[in-house]
C-alpha atoms as a PDB file:
ATOM      1  CA  MET A   1     -95.837  56.886  57.437  1.00  0.00           C
ATOM      2  CA  ALA A   2     -97.277  53.654  58.694  1.00  0.00           C
ATOM      3  CA  ALA A   3     -95.939  51.952  61.803  1.00  0.00           C
ATOM      4  CA  ARG A   4     -94.875  49.116  59.936  1.00  0.00           C
ATOM      5  CA  ASP A   5     -92.769  51.176  57.622  1.00  0.00           C
ATOM      6  CA  ALA A   6     -91.264  53.180  60.507  1.00  0.00           C
ATOM      7  CA  PRO A   7     -87.415  53.738  60.309  1.00  0.00           C
ATOM      8  CA  VAL A   8     -85.202  52.132  62.997  1.00  0.00           C
ATOM      9  CA  GLY A   9     -85.654  53.813  66.405  1.00  0.00           C
ATOM     10  CA  ASP A  10     -89.164  55.200  65.520  1.00  0.00           C
ATOM     11  CA  SER A  11     -91.357  54.540  68.459  1.00  0.00           C
ATOM     12  CA  ARG A  12     -94.798  56.031  67.566  1.00  0.00           C
ATOM     13  CA  ASP A  13     -96.690  53.146  69.098  1.00  0.00           C
ATOM     14  CA  GLY A  14     -94.516  53.037  72.182  1.00  0.00           C
ATOM     15  CA  ARG A  15     -92.270  50.120  70.942  1.00  0.00           C
ATOM     16  CA  CYS A  16     -89.076  50.483  69.122  1.00  0.00           C
ATOM     17  CA  ARG A  17     -89.385  48.805  65.772  1.00  0.00           C
ATOM     18  CA  ARG A  18     -86.651  47.914  63.473  1.00  0.00           C
ATOM     19  CA  THR A  19     -86.828  47.407  59.731  1.00  0.00           C
ATOM     20  CA  THR A  20     -86.191  44.154  58.337  1.00  0.00           C
ATOM     21  CA  THR A  21     -83.624  43.706  55.680  1.00  0.00           C
ATOM     22  CA  ASN A  22     -82.979  40.745  53.584  1.00  0.00           C
ATOM     23  CA  MET A  23     -79.443  39.716  54.694  1.00  0.00           C
ATOM     24  CA  LYS A  24     -79.400  36.747  52.394  1.00  0.00           C
ATOM     25  CA  THR A  25     -79.652  39.075  49.379  1.00  0.00           C
ATOM     26  CA  TYR A  26     -76.918  41.410  50.596  1.00  0.00           C
ATOM     27  CA  SER A  27     -74.669  38.372  51.624  1.00  0.00           C
ATOM     28  CA  THR A  28     -75.169  36.835  48.249  1.00  0.00           C
ATOM     29  CA  TYR A  29     -74.084  40.021  46.503  1.00  0.00           C
ATOM     30  CA  LEU A  30     -70.980  40.165  48.596  1.00  0.00           C
ATOM     31  CA  THR A  31     -70.124  36.551  48.658  1.00  0.00           C
ATOM     32  CA  LEU A  32     -70.170  35.785  44.900  1.00  0.00           C
ATOM     33  CA  PRO A  33     -67.743  38.471  43.875  1.00  0.00           C
ATOM     34  CA  LEU A  34     -65.444  37.500  46.654  1.00  0.00           C
ATOM     35  CA  ALA A  35     -65.484  33.842  45.744  1.00  0.00           C
ATOM     36  CA  ALA A  36     -65.000  34.688  42.110  1.00  0.00           C
ATOM     37  CA  SER A  37     -61.943  36.772  42.814  1.00  0.00           C
ATOM     38  CA  LEU A  38     -60.447  34.112  45.096  1.00  0.00           C
ATOM     39  CA  LEU A  39     -60.858  31.429  42.464  1.00  0.00           C
ATOM     40  CA  ALA A  40     -59.445  33.789  39.697  1.00  0.00           C
ATOM     41  CA  GLY A  41     -56.344  34.369  41.959  1.00  0.00           C
ATOM     42  CA  CYS A  42     -55.970  30.544  42.310  1.00  0.00           C
ATOM     43  CA  ALA A  43     -56.135  30.078  38.606  1.00  0.00           C
ATOM     44  CA  ALA A  44     -53.536  32.689  37.942  1.00  0.00           C
ATOM     45  CA  PHE A  45     -50.884  30.328  39.459  1.00  0.00           C
ATOM     46  CA  ALA A  46     -50.215  27.516  36.932  1.00  0.00           C
ATOM     47  CA  PRO A  47     -48.623  24.274  38.286  1.00  0.00           C
ATOM     48  CA  SER A  48     -45.487  25.229  36.426  1.00  0.00           C
ATOM     49  CA  ASP A  49     -45.098  28.324  38.492  1.00  0.00           C
ATOM     50  CA  ALA A  50     -45.054  26.449  41.839  1.00  0.00           C
ATOM     51  CA  ALA A  51     -41.785  25.719  43.647  1.00  0.00           C
ATOM     52  CA  LYS A  52     -40.864  22.045  43.871  1.00  0.00           C
ATOM     53  CA  LEU A  53     -38.784  20.261  46.407  1.00  0.00           C
ATOM     54  CA  GLU A  54     -37.640  16.694  46.142  1.00  0.00           C
ATOM     55  CA  CYS A  55     -35.334  14.905  48.546  1.00  0.00           C
ATOM     56  CA  THR A  56     -33.843  11.318  48.316  1.00  0.00           C
ATOM     57  CA  MET A  57     -34.205  10.027  51.861  1.00  0.00           C
ATOM     58  CA  PRO A  58     -31.626   7.260  52.523  1.00  0.00           C
ATOM     59  CA  VAL A  59     -32.625   4.348  54.710  1.00  0.00           C
ATOM     60  CA  ALA A  60     -30.736   4.177  58.097  1.00  0.00           C
ATOM     61  CA  ALA A  61     -29.494   0.637  58.764  1.00  0.00           C
ATOM     62  CA  TYR A  62     -28.794  -0.486  62.228  1.00  0.00           C
ATOM     63  CA  PRO A  63     -25.269  -1.834  62.400  1.00  0.00           C
ATOM     64  CA  GLU A  64     -25.063  -5.655  62.291  1.00  0.00           C
ATOM     65  CA  ASN A  65     -22.195  -5.704  64.850  1.00  0.00           C
ATOM     66  CA  ALA A  66     -23.948  -3.471  67.424  1.00  0.00           C
ATOM     67  CA  LYS A  67     -25.794  -4.884  70.378  1.00  0.00           C
ATOM     68  CA  PRO A  68     -29.157  -6.105  69.265  1.00  0.00           C
ATOM     69  CA  LEU A  69     -32.099  -3.872  70.030  1.00  0.00           C
ATOM     70  CA  GLU A  70     -34.491  -5.150  72.796  1.00  0.00           C
ATOM     71  CA  ARG A  71     -37.207  -2.481  71.937  1.00  0.00           C
ATOM     72  CA  ARG A  72     -37.937   0.102  69.193  1.00  0.00           C
ATOM     73  CA  ALA A  73     -35.419   2.996  69.037  1.00  0.00           C
ATOM     74  CA  THR A  74     -36.518   6.320  67.579  1.00  0.00           C
ATOM     75  CA  VAL A  75     -34.013   9.090  66.740  1.00  0.00           C
ATOM     76  CA  LEU A  76     -34.973  12.589  65.701  1.00  0.00           C
ATOM     77  CA  VAL A  77     -32.315  14.211  63.551  1.00  0.00           C
ATOM     78  CA  ARG A  78     -31.958  17.656  62.144  1.00  0.00           C
ATOM     79  CA  ALA A  79     -29.914  18.984  59.300  1.00  0.00           C
ATOM     80  CA  MET A  80     -29.376  22.250  57.479  1.00  0.00           C
ATOM     81  CA  ILE A  81     -29.927  21.556  53.774  1.00  0.00           C
ATOM     82  CA  THR A  82     -27.940  23.941  51.653  1.00  0.00           C
ATOM     83  CA  ALA A  83     -29.164  25.664  48.438  1.00  0.00           C
ATOM     84  CA  SER A  84     -27.102  23.097  46.539  1.00  0.00           C
ATOM     85  CA  GLY A  85     -29.065  20.286  48.255  1.00  0.00           C
ATOM     86  CA  ASN A  86     -26.447  18.862  50.551  1.00  0.00           C
ATOM     87  CA  ALA A  87     -26.870  18.280  54.378  1.00  0.00           C
ATOM     88  CA  GLU A  88     -24.704  20.165  56.742  1.00  0.00           C
ATOM     89  CA  ASN A  89     -24.769  20.578  60.580  1.00  0.00           C
ATOM     90  CA  VAL A  90     -26.405  17.114  61.126  1.00  0.00           C
ATOM     91  CA  THR A  91     -27.365  16.811  64.846  1.00  0.00           C
ATOM     92  CA  VAL A  92     -29.396  14.542  66.942  1.00  0.00           C
ATOM     93  CA  THR A  93     -32.435  16.362  68.285  1.00  0.00           C
ATOM     94  CA  THR A  94     -33.820  13.599  70.342  1.00  0.00           C
ATOM     95  CA  SER A  95     -31.652  10.653  71.150  1.00  0.00           C
ATOM     96  CA  SER A  96     -32.885   7.011  71.287  1.00  0.00           C
ATOM     97  CA  ARG A  97     -30.401   6.350  74.162  1.00  0.00           C
ATOM     98  CA  ASN A  98     -28.757   3.905  71.947  1.00  0.00           C
ATOM     99  CA  ALA A  99     -25.435   5.156  70.523  1.00  0.00           C
ATOM    100  CA  ALA A 100     -25.459   2.883  67.567  1.00  0.00           C
ATOM    101  CA  ALA A 101     -28.991   3.897  66.448  1.00  0.00           C
ATOM    102  CA  ASP A 102     -28.003   7.506  66.877  1.00  0.00           C
ATOM    103  CA  ARG A 103     -24.854   7.139  64.775  1.00  0.00           C
ATOM    104  CA  ALA A 104     -26.818   5.314  62.007  1.00  0.00           C
ATOM    105  CA  ALA A 105     -29.557   7.969  61.810  1.00  0.00           C
ATOM    106  CA  VAL A 106     -26.877  10.802  61.580  1.00  0.00           C
ATOM    107  CA  ASP A 107     -25.105   8.909  59.030  1.00  0.00           C
ATOM    108  CA  ALA A 108     -28.243   8.449  56.931  1.00  0.00           C
ATOM    109  CA  MET A 109     -29.225  11.994  57.340  1.00  0.00           C
ATOM    110  CA  SER A 110     -25.779  13.108  56.230  1.00  0.00           C
ATOM    111  CA  ARG A 111     -26.359  11.306  52.860  1.00  0.00           C
ATOM    112  CA  ILE A 112     -29.681  13.025  52.102  1.00  0.00           C
ATOM    113  CA  VAL A 113     -29.790  14.942  48.834  1.00  0.00           C
ATOM    114  CA  CYS A 114     -32.537  17.434  47.883  1.00  0.00           C
ATOM    115  CA  SER A 115     -33.245  19.391  44.751  1.00  0.00           C
ATOM    116  CA  GLN A 116     -35.183  22.477  44.474  1.00  0.00           C
ATOM    117  CA  THR A 117     -36.992  23.900  41.548  1.00  0.00           C
ATOM    118  CA  PRO A 118     -37.764  27.429  42.699  1.00  0.00           C
ATOM    119  CA  ALA A 119     -40.796  29.314  41.542  1.00  0.00           C
ATOM    120  CA  ARG A 120     -40.386  31.307  38.275  1.00  0.00           C
ATOM    121  CA  GLY A 121     -37.641  33.913  38.992  1.00  0.00           C
ATOM    122  CA  GLY A 122     -36.708  32.595  42.319  1.00  0.00           C
ATOM    123  CA  GLU A 123     -33.533  31.149  43.746  1.00  0.00           C
ATOM    124  CA  PRO A 124     -32.873  27.857  45.615  1.00  0.00           C
ATOM    125  CA  TYR A 125     -32.673  28.532  49.318  1.00  0.00           C
ATOM    126  CA  PRO A 126     -31.256  26.687  52.408  1.00  0.00           C
ATOM    127  CA  PHE A 127     -33.695  25.061  54.831  1.00  0.00           C
ATOM    128  CA  THR A 128     -33.762  23.000  57.974  1.00  0.00           C
ATOM    129  CA  LEU A 129     -35.101  19.540  57.813  1.00  0.00           C
ATOM    130  CA  THR A 130     -36.009  17.404  60.904  1.00  0.00           C
ATOM    131  CA  ARG A 131     -36.771  13.705  60.484  1.00  0.00           C
ATOM    132  CA  PRO A 132     -37.366  10.669  62.707  1.00  0.00           C
ATOM    133  CA  PHE A 133     -35.516   7.407  62.032  1.00  0.00           C
ATOM    134  CA  VAL A 134     -37.138   4.313  63.680  1.00  0.00           C
ATOM    135  CA  PHE A 135     -35.251   1.234  64.295  1.00  0.00           C
ATOM    136  CA  GLU A 136     -37.224  -1.988  65.121  1.00  0.00           C
ATOM    137  CA  PRO A 137     -35.667  -4.960  66.958  1.00  0.00           C
ATOM    138  CA  ARG A 138     -34.792  -7.806  64.645  1.00  0.00           C
ATOM    139  CA  ALA A 139     -36.985 -10.928  65.047  1.00  0.00           C
ATOM    140  CA  LYS A 140     -35.219 -13.616  67.130  1.00  0.00           C
ATOM    141  CA  ALA A 141     -34.385 -16.600  65.062  1.00  0.00           C
ATOM    142  CA  SER A 142     -36.131 -19.842  66.040  1.00  0.00           C
ATOM    143  CA  ARG A 143     -33.978 -22.802  66.876  1.00  0.00           C
END
């Protein structure tokens, strides 16, 4: 056996040699079947098999009779959406520190309506939805 063909760990010439393997060839043999199986798995799910969720998000209107906003007010509101698509347990998660803006956001979130089209063989399920409502100050009318 020549020194260049020595197996791993053979040190006939005083140096430890290692055999060179073509890793590109091995990785290609492993990568191609793996990629093909992943793509085949993706193709198995037709778009009609996917679950769909659609929600009608009402616009929150700042009350006309409330004190005008001096700066932007952001309210973060959370609601439990039932399997039938109605909002329950609507709460303010992060207040804007403006009671009128908070009430308007809760009112809007209470009117949200969602419809679920579950995946084949599935059932609609309740879920939690959190959404920000942003109220901008009205432009002051010029005189």
